[in-house]
């Protein structure tokens, strides 16, 4: 019998483990629906994900070899509720932001954003 093993019940660190640092299922569905639409129109061709403890980003590309056109970001602990979701350009400049992802993406004219 190994005396170094112990069972931990009601671990206080469990909340930290359960904390999500990614898009939730419904958020990802909204983004991927938009992505599919833009791919079918020929505007977007590739995507990438970036994850940190502060935000998760969904970057979209015109061509895989180029820089990202835009990045759809979810900030985990924004100082302002309107900065929960944002669309940024290559340099990180916020082009649009909102507290609601669905309305942010629905009310964005992607053709006008493109250079």
N, C-alpha and C. Protein backbone atom coordinates (compact mmCIF):
# COMPACT_ATOMS: atom_id res chain seq x y z
N UNK A 1 0.84 -1.18 0.00
CA UNK A 1 0.00 0.00 0.00
C UNK A 1 0.89 1.25 0.00
N UNK A 2 0.61 2.18 -0.90
CA UNK A 2 1.39 3.40 -1.01
C UNK A 2 0.79 4.47 -0.11
N UNK A 3 1.53 4.94 0.86
CA UNK A 3 1.03 5.93 1.82
C UNK A 3 1.14 7.36 1.30
N UNK A 4 1.77 7.56 0.14
CA UNK A 4 1.92 8.89 -0.43
C UNK A 4 0.70 9.33 -1.24
N UNK A 5 -0.18 8.41 -1.57
CA UNK A 5 -1.38 8.74 -2.34
C UNK A 5 -2.50 9.14 -1.40
N UNK A 6 -3.27 10.13 -1.81
CA UNK A 6 -4.42 10.53 -1.00
C UNK A 6 -5.54 11.02 -1.92
N UNK A 7 -6.74 10.82 -1.48
CA UNK A 7 -7.91 11.24 -2.20
C UNK A 7 -8.30 12.63 -1.73
N UNK A 8 -8.46 13.56 -2.69
CA UNK A 8 -8.83 14.93 -2.34
C UNK A 8 -10.27 15.15 -2.78
N UNK A 9 -11.12 15.48 -1.82
CA UNK A 9 -12.53 15.74 -2.10
C UNK A 9 -12.81 17.20 -1.79
N UNK A 10 -13.67 17.84 -2.63
CA UNK A 10 -13.98 19.27 -2.46
C UNK A 10 -12.72 20.12 -2.55
N UNK A 11 -11.95 19.87 -3.56
CA UNK A 11 -10.71 20.61 -3.77
C UNK A 11 -11.03 22.07 -4.08
N UNK A 12 -10.41 22.99 -3.37
CA UNK A 12 -10.67 24.42 -3.58
C UNK A 12 -10.14 24.90 -4.93
N UNK A 13 -9.20 24.18 -5.52
CA UNK A 13 -8.65 24.57 -6.82
C UNK A 13 -9.53 24.11 -7.98
N UNK A 14 -10.59 23.36 -7.69
CA UNK A 14 -11.43 22.81 -8.75
C UNK A 14 -12.10 23.92 -9.56
N UNK A 15 -12.51 25.02 -8.93
CA UNK A 15 -13.13 26.12 -9.65
C UNK A 15 -12.18 26.69 -10.69
N UNK A 16 -10.93 26.79 -10.35
CA UNK A 16 -9.94 27.32 -11.27
C UNK A 16 -9.79 26.40 -12.49
N UNK A 17 -9.87 25.12 -12.29
CA UNK A 17 -9.75 24.16 -13.37
C UNK A 17 -10.97 24.25 -14.29
N UNK A 18 -12.16 24.44 -13.70
CA UNK A 18 -13.39 24.48 -14.48
C UNK A 18 -13.57 25.78 -15.25
N UNK A 19 -12.83 26.82 -14.89
CA UNK A 19 -12.97 28.11 -15.57
C UNK A 19 -12.61 27.94 -17.04
N UNK A 20 -13.48 28.45 -17.92
CA UNK A 20 -13.30 28.24 -19.35
C UNK A 20 -12.52 29.39 -19.97
N UNK A 21 -11.50 29.04 -20.73
CA UNK A 21 -10.73 30.03 -21.47
C UNK A 21 -10.82 29.71 -22.95
N UNK A 22 -12.05 29.71 -23.45
CA UNK A 22 -12.29 29.45 -24.87
C UNK A 22 -13.67 29.98 -25.22
N UNK A 23 -14.04 29.90 -26.48
CA UNK A 23 -15.40 30.24 -26.87
C UNK A 23 -16.33 29.15 -26.36
N UNK A 24 -17.51 29.54 -25.93
CA UNK A 24 -18.51 28.55 -25.56
C UNK A 24 -19.10 27.97 -26.85
N UNK A 25 -19.79 26.86 -26.73
CA UNK A 25 -20.31 26.14 -27.90
C UNK A 25 -21.18 27.04 -28.79
N UNK A 26 -22.08 27.81 -28.19
CA UNK A 26 -22.97 28.68 -28.97
C UNK A 26 -22.18 29.80 -29.65
N UNK A 27 -21.19 30.35 -28.97
CA UNK A 27 -20.35 31.40 -29.56
C UNK A 27 -19.59 30.87 -30.77
N UNK A 28 -19.02 29.68 -30.61
CA UNK A 28 -18.26 29.09 -31.71
C UNK A 28 -19.17 28.76 -32.89
N UNK A 29 -20.38 28.34 -32.63
CA UNK A 29 -21.35 28.07 -33.70
C UNK A 29 -21.65 29.34 -34.49
N UNK A 30 -21.85 30.46 -33.81
CA UNK A 30 -22.12 31.74 -34.46
C UNK A 30 -20.94 32.14 -35.36
N UNK A 31 -19.74 32.00 -34.83
CA UNK A 31 -18.53 32.36 -35.59
C UNK A 31 -18.34 31.43 -36.80
N UNK A 32 -18.52 30.14 -36.59
CA UNK A 32 -18.30 29.19 -37.69
C UNK A 32 -19.39 29.31 -38.76
N UNK A 33 -20.61 29.67 -38.37
CA UNK A 33 -21.65 29.93 -39.37
C UNK A 33 -21.26 31.12 -40.26
N UNK A 34 -20.76 32.19 -39.64
CA UNK A 34 -20.29 33.34 -40.40
C UNK A 34 -19.11 32.94 -41.28
N UNK A 35 -18.18 32.19 -40.73
CA UNK A 35 -17.01 31.75 -41.48
C UNK A 35 -17.43 30.96 -42.72
N UNK A 36 -18.37 30.02 -42.56
CA UNK A 36 -18.84 29.21 -43.69
C UNK A 36 -19.47 30.10 -44.77
N UNK A 37 -20.23 31.09 -44.35
CA UNK A 37 -20.86 32.01 -45.31
C UNK A 37 -19.80 32.80 -46.08
N UNK A 38 -18.81 33.31 -45.36
CA UNK A 38 -17.76 34.11 -46.01
C UNK A 38 -16.87 33.26 -46.91
N UNK A 39 -16.64 32.00 -46.55
CA UNK A 39 -15.86 31.10 -47.41
C UNK A 39 -16.64 30.82 -48.69
N UNK A 40 -17.94 30.60 -48.56
CA UNK A 40 -18.74 30.32 -49.76
C UNK A 40 -18.81 31.52 -50.69
N UNK A 41 -18.67 32.73 -50.14
CA UNK A 41 -18.62 33.95 -50.97
C UNK A 41 -17.24 34.19 -51.56
N UNK A 42 -16.24 33.48 -51.08
CA UNK A 42 -14.88 33.63 -51.56
C UNK A 42 -14.09 34.72 -50.85
N UNK A 43 -14.63 35.28 -49.76
CA UNK A 43 -13.95 36.36 -49.04
C UNK A 43 -12.88 35.86 -48.08
N UNK A 44 -13.15 34.73 -47.43
CA UNK A 44 -12.22 34.16 -46.46
C UNK A 44 -11.82 32.77 -46.92
N UNK A 45 -10.59 32.37 -46.58
CA UNK A 45 -10.12 31.05 -47.02
C UNK A 45 -9.56 30.20 -45.89
N UNK A 46 -9.15 30.81 -44.80
CA UNK A 46 -8.52 30.05 -43.73
C UNK A 46 -8.78 30.74 -42.41
N UNK A 47 -8.55 30.04 -41.32
CA UNK A 47 -8.70 30.64 -40.00
C UNK A 47 -7.66 30.08 -39.04
N UNK A 48 -7.50 30.75 -37.94
CA UNK A 48 -6.60 30.30 -36.90
C UNK A 48 -7.15 30.70 -35.54
N UNK A 49 -6.77 29.97 -34.52
CA UNK A 49 -7.21 30.28 -33.16
C UNK A 49 -6.01 30.65 -32.30
N UNK A 50 -6.20 31.64 -31.45
CA UNK A 50 -5.16 31.99 -30.48
C UNK A 50 -5.83 32.05 -29.11
N UNK A 51 -5.15 31.48 -28.12
CA UNK A 51 -5.72 31.37 -26.79
C UNK A 51 -4.72 31.87 -25.76
N UNK A 52 -5.18 32.73 -24.86
CA UNK A 52 -4.36 33.15 -23.73
C UNK A 52 -5.28 33.22 -22.50
N UNK A 53 -4.74 33.59 -21.37
CA UNK A 53 -5.56 33.68 -20.16
C UNK A 53 -6.43 34.94 -20.17
N UNK A 54 -6.15 35.88 -21.08
CA UNK A 54 -6.93 37.12 -21.15
C UNK A 54 -7.99 37.10 -22.24
N UNK A 55 -7.69 36.42 -23.36
CA UNK A 55 -8.64 36.41 -24.46
C UNK A 55 -8.41 35.22 -25.37
N UNK A 56 -9.45 34.92 -26.15
CA UNK A 56 -9.35 33.92 -27.21
C UNK A 56 -9.70 34.64 -28.50
N UNK A 57 -9.00 34.29 -29.57
CA UNK A 57 -9.23 34.98 -30.83
C UNK A 57 -9.41 34.00 -31.98
N UNK A 58 -10.31 34.36 -32.88
CA UNK A 58 -10.56 33.61 -34.10
C UNK A 58 -10.11 34.50 -35.25
N UNK A 59 -8.96 34.22 -35.82
CA UNK A 59 -8.40 35.03 -36.91
C UNK A 59 -8.85 34.47 -38.25
N UNK A 60 -9.19 35.37 -39.17
CA UNK A 60 -9.60 34.95 -40.52
C UNK A 60 -8.60 35.49 -41.54
N UNK A 61 -8.37 34.67 -42.56
CA UNK A 61 -7.37 34.97 -43.58
C UNK A 61 -7.99 34.94 -44.96
N UNK A 62 -7.52 35.81 -45.84
CA UNK A 62 -7.88 35.77 -47.25
C UNK A 62 -7.11 34.63 -47.92
N UNK A 63 -5.83 34.54 -47.60
CA UNK A 63 -4.96 33.45 -48.05
C UNK A 63 -4.14 32.98 -46.85
N UNK A 64 -3.87 31.70 -46.80
CA UNK A 64 -3.15 31.14 -45.66
C UNK A 64 -1.75 31.73 -45.50
N UNK A 65 -1.14 32.16 -46.59
CA UNK A 65 0.23 32.67 -46.54
C UNK A 65 0.32 34.13 -46.11
N UNK A 66 -0.81 34.81 -46.01
CA UNK A 66 -0.82 36.23 -45.67
C UNK A 66 -1.14 36.44 -44.19
N UNK A 67 -1.08 37.70 -43.76
CA UNK A 67 -1.50 38.04 -42.41
C UNK A 67 -3.01 37.96 -42.30
N UNK A 68 -3.50 37.83 -41.08
CA UNK A 68 -4.94 37.74 -40.85
C UNK A 68 -5.62 39.04 -41.28
N UNK A 69 -6.82 38.93 -41.84
CA UNK A 69 -7.62 40.11 -42.17
C UNK A 69 -8.19 40.71 -40.88
N UNK A 70 -8.80 39.84 -40.09
CA UNK A 70 -9.47 40.26 -38.85
C UNK A 70 -9.29 39.21 -37.79
N UNK A 71 -9.57 39.63 -36.58
CA UNK A 71 -9.56 38.72 -35.44
C UNK A 71 -10.81 39.00 -34.62
N UNK A 72 -11.62 37.99 -34.43
CA UNK A 72 -12.82 38.09 -33.59
C UNK A 72 -12.39 37.63 -32.21
N UNK A 73 -12.45 38.55 -31.24
CA UNK A 73 -11.91 38.28 -29.91
C UNK A 73 -12.99 38.20 -28.84
N UNK A 74 -12.75 37.35 -27.88
CA UNK A 74 -13.56 37.30 -26.67
C UNK A 74 -12.62 37.59 -25.51
N UNK A 75 -12.86 38.70 -24.81
CA UNK A 75 -12.05 39.06 -23.66
C UNK A 75 -12.69 38.48 -22.41
N UNK A 76 -11.91 37.81 -21.58
CA UNK A 76 -12.46 37.12 -20.43
C UNK A 76 -12.81 38.03 -19.26
N UNK A 77 -12.02 39.04 -19.03
CA UNK A 77 -12.28 39.95 -17.91
C UNK A 77 -12.15 41.40 -18.38
N UNK A 78 -13.09 41.85 -19.24
CA UNK A 78 -12.96 43.22 -19.76
C UNK A 78 -13.27 44.26 -18.68
N UNK A 79 -12.58 45.40 -18.74
CA UNK A 79 -12.84 46.50 -17.81
C UNK A 79 -14.18 47.15 -18.13
N UNK A 80 -14.53 47.15 -19.42
CA UNK A 80 -15.79 47.70 -19.89
C UNK A 80 -16.60 46.56 -20.51
N UNK A 81 -17.88 46.38 -20.11
CA UNK A 81 -18.68 45.28 -20.66
C UNK A 81 -18.78 45.31 -22.19
N UNK A 82 -18.69 46.50 -22.80
CA UNK A 82 -18.75 46.61 -24.25
C UNK A 82 -17.52 46.03 -24.94
N UNK A 83 -16.47 45.78 -24.18
CA UNK A 83 -15.25 45.22 -24.75
C UNK A 83 -15.20 43.69 -24.61
N UNK A 84 -16.32 43.07 -24.26
CA UNK A 84 -16.38 41.60 -24.11
C UNK A 84 -16.02 40.93 -25.43
N UNK A 85 -16.59 41.41 -26.52
CA UNK A 85 -16.30 40.89 -27.86
C UNK A 85 -15.81 42.03 -28.73
N UNK A 86 -14.84 41.75 -29.58
CA UNK A 86 -14.35 42.80 -30.47
C UNK A 86 -13.84 42.20 -31.78
N UNK A 87 -13.79 43.06 -32.78
CA UNK A 87 -13.18 42.71 -34.06
C UNK A 87 -11.99 43.63 -34.21
N UNK A 88 -10.81 43.05 -34.41
CA UNK A 88 -9.60 43.85 -34.54
C UNK A 88 -8.98 43.61 -35.92
N UNK A 89 -8.12 44.56 -36.32
CA UNK A 89 -7.39 44.39 -37.58
C UNK A 89 -6.05 43.72 -37.28
N UNK A 90 -5.19 43.66 -38.28
CA UNK A 90 -3.89 43.00 -38.15
C UNK A 90 -3.04 43.61 -37.03
N UNK A 91 -3.09 44.93 -36.88
CA UNK A 91 -2.26 45.59 -35.88
C UNK A 91 -2.85 45.54 -34.48
N UNK A 92 -4.07 45.01 -34.33
CA UNK A 92 -4.70 44.93 -33.02
C UNK A 92 -5.65 46.07 -32.72
N UNK A 93 -5.81 46.97 -33.68
CA UNK A 93 -6.73 48.11 -33.52
C UNK A 93 -8.17 47.59 -33.50
N UNK A 94 -8.95 48.01 -32.51
CA UNK A 94 -10.34 47.59 -32.41
C UNK A 94 -11.17 48.33 -33.45
N UNK A 95 -11.80 47.55 -34.35
CA UNK A 95 -12.64 48.12 -35.39
C UNK A 95 -14.08 48.24 -34.91
N UNK A 96 -14.55 47.24 -34.18
CA UNK A 96 -15.90 47.23 -33.61
C UNK A 96 -15.86 46.44 -32.31
N UNK A 97 -16.76 46.76 -31.40
CA UNK A 97 -16.84 46.01 -30.16
C UNK A 97 -18.27 46.00 -29.64
N UNK A 98 -18.58 45.02 -28.78
CA UNK A 98 -19.93 44.87 -28.24
C UNK A 98 -19.91 43.92 -27.06
N UNK A 99 -20.98 43.94 -26.29
CA UNK A 99 -21.16 42.99 -25.20
C UNK A 99 -21.85 41.71 -25.71
N UNK A 100 -22.37 41.74 -26.97
CA UNK A 100 -23.10 40.62 -27.54
C UNK A 100 -22.46 40.19 -28.85
N UNK A 101 -21.98 38.97 -28.91
CA UNK A 101 -21.28 38.47 -30.09
C UNK A 101 -22.18 38.39 -31.31
N UNK A 102 -23.38 37.87 -31.14
CA UNK A 102 -24.29 37.69 -32.28
C UNK A 102 -24.60 39.02 -32.96
N UNK A 103 -24.93 40.03 -32.17
CA UNK A 103 -25.24 41.33 -32.78
C UNK A 103 -24.00 41.98 -33.38
N UNK A 104 -22.84 41.78 -32.76
CA UNK A 104 -21.60 42.34 -33.29
C UNK A 104 -21.33 41.80 -34.69
N UNK A 105 -21.43 40.49 -34.85
CA UNK A 105 -21.13 39.88 -36.15
C UNK A 105 -22.22 40.15 -37.17
N UNK A 106 -23.47 40.16 -36.71
CA UNK A 106 -24.59 40.39 -37.62
C UNK A 106 -24.59 41.82 -38.17
N UNK A 107 -24.20 42.79 -37.34
CA UNK A 107 -24.25 44.19 -37.73
C UNK A 107 -22.94 44.71 -38.31
N UNK A 108 -22.05 43.82 -38.69
CA UNK A 108 -20.79 44.22 -39.28
C UNK A 108 -20.86 44.06 -40.79
N UNK A 109 -20.51 45.13 -41.49
CA UNK A 109 -20.44 45.08 -42.95
C UNK A 109 -19.01 44.67 -43.31
N UNK A 110 -18.82 43.38 -43.55
CA UNK A 110 -17.48 42.84 -43.78
C UNK A 110 -16.86 43.37 -45.06
N UNK A 111 -17.65 43.68 -46.05
CA UNK A 111 -17.12 44.22 -47.31
C UNK A 111 -16.53 45.61 -47.09
N UNK A 112 -17.15 46.42 -46.23
CA UNK A 112 -16.62 47.75 -45.95
C UNK A 112 -15.35 47.68 -45.11
N UNK A 113 -15.23 46.67 -44.25
CA UNK A 113 -14.04 46.52 -43.42
C UNK A 113 -12.83 46.13 -44.25
N UNK A 114 -13.07 45.37 -45.33
CA UNK A 114 -11.94 44.89 -46.13
C UNK A 114 -11.25 46.04 -46.84
N UNK A 115 -9.95 45.91 -46.95
CA UNK A 115 -9.13 46.98 -47.53
C UNK A 115 -9.05 46.85 -49.02
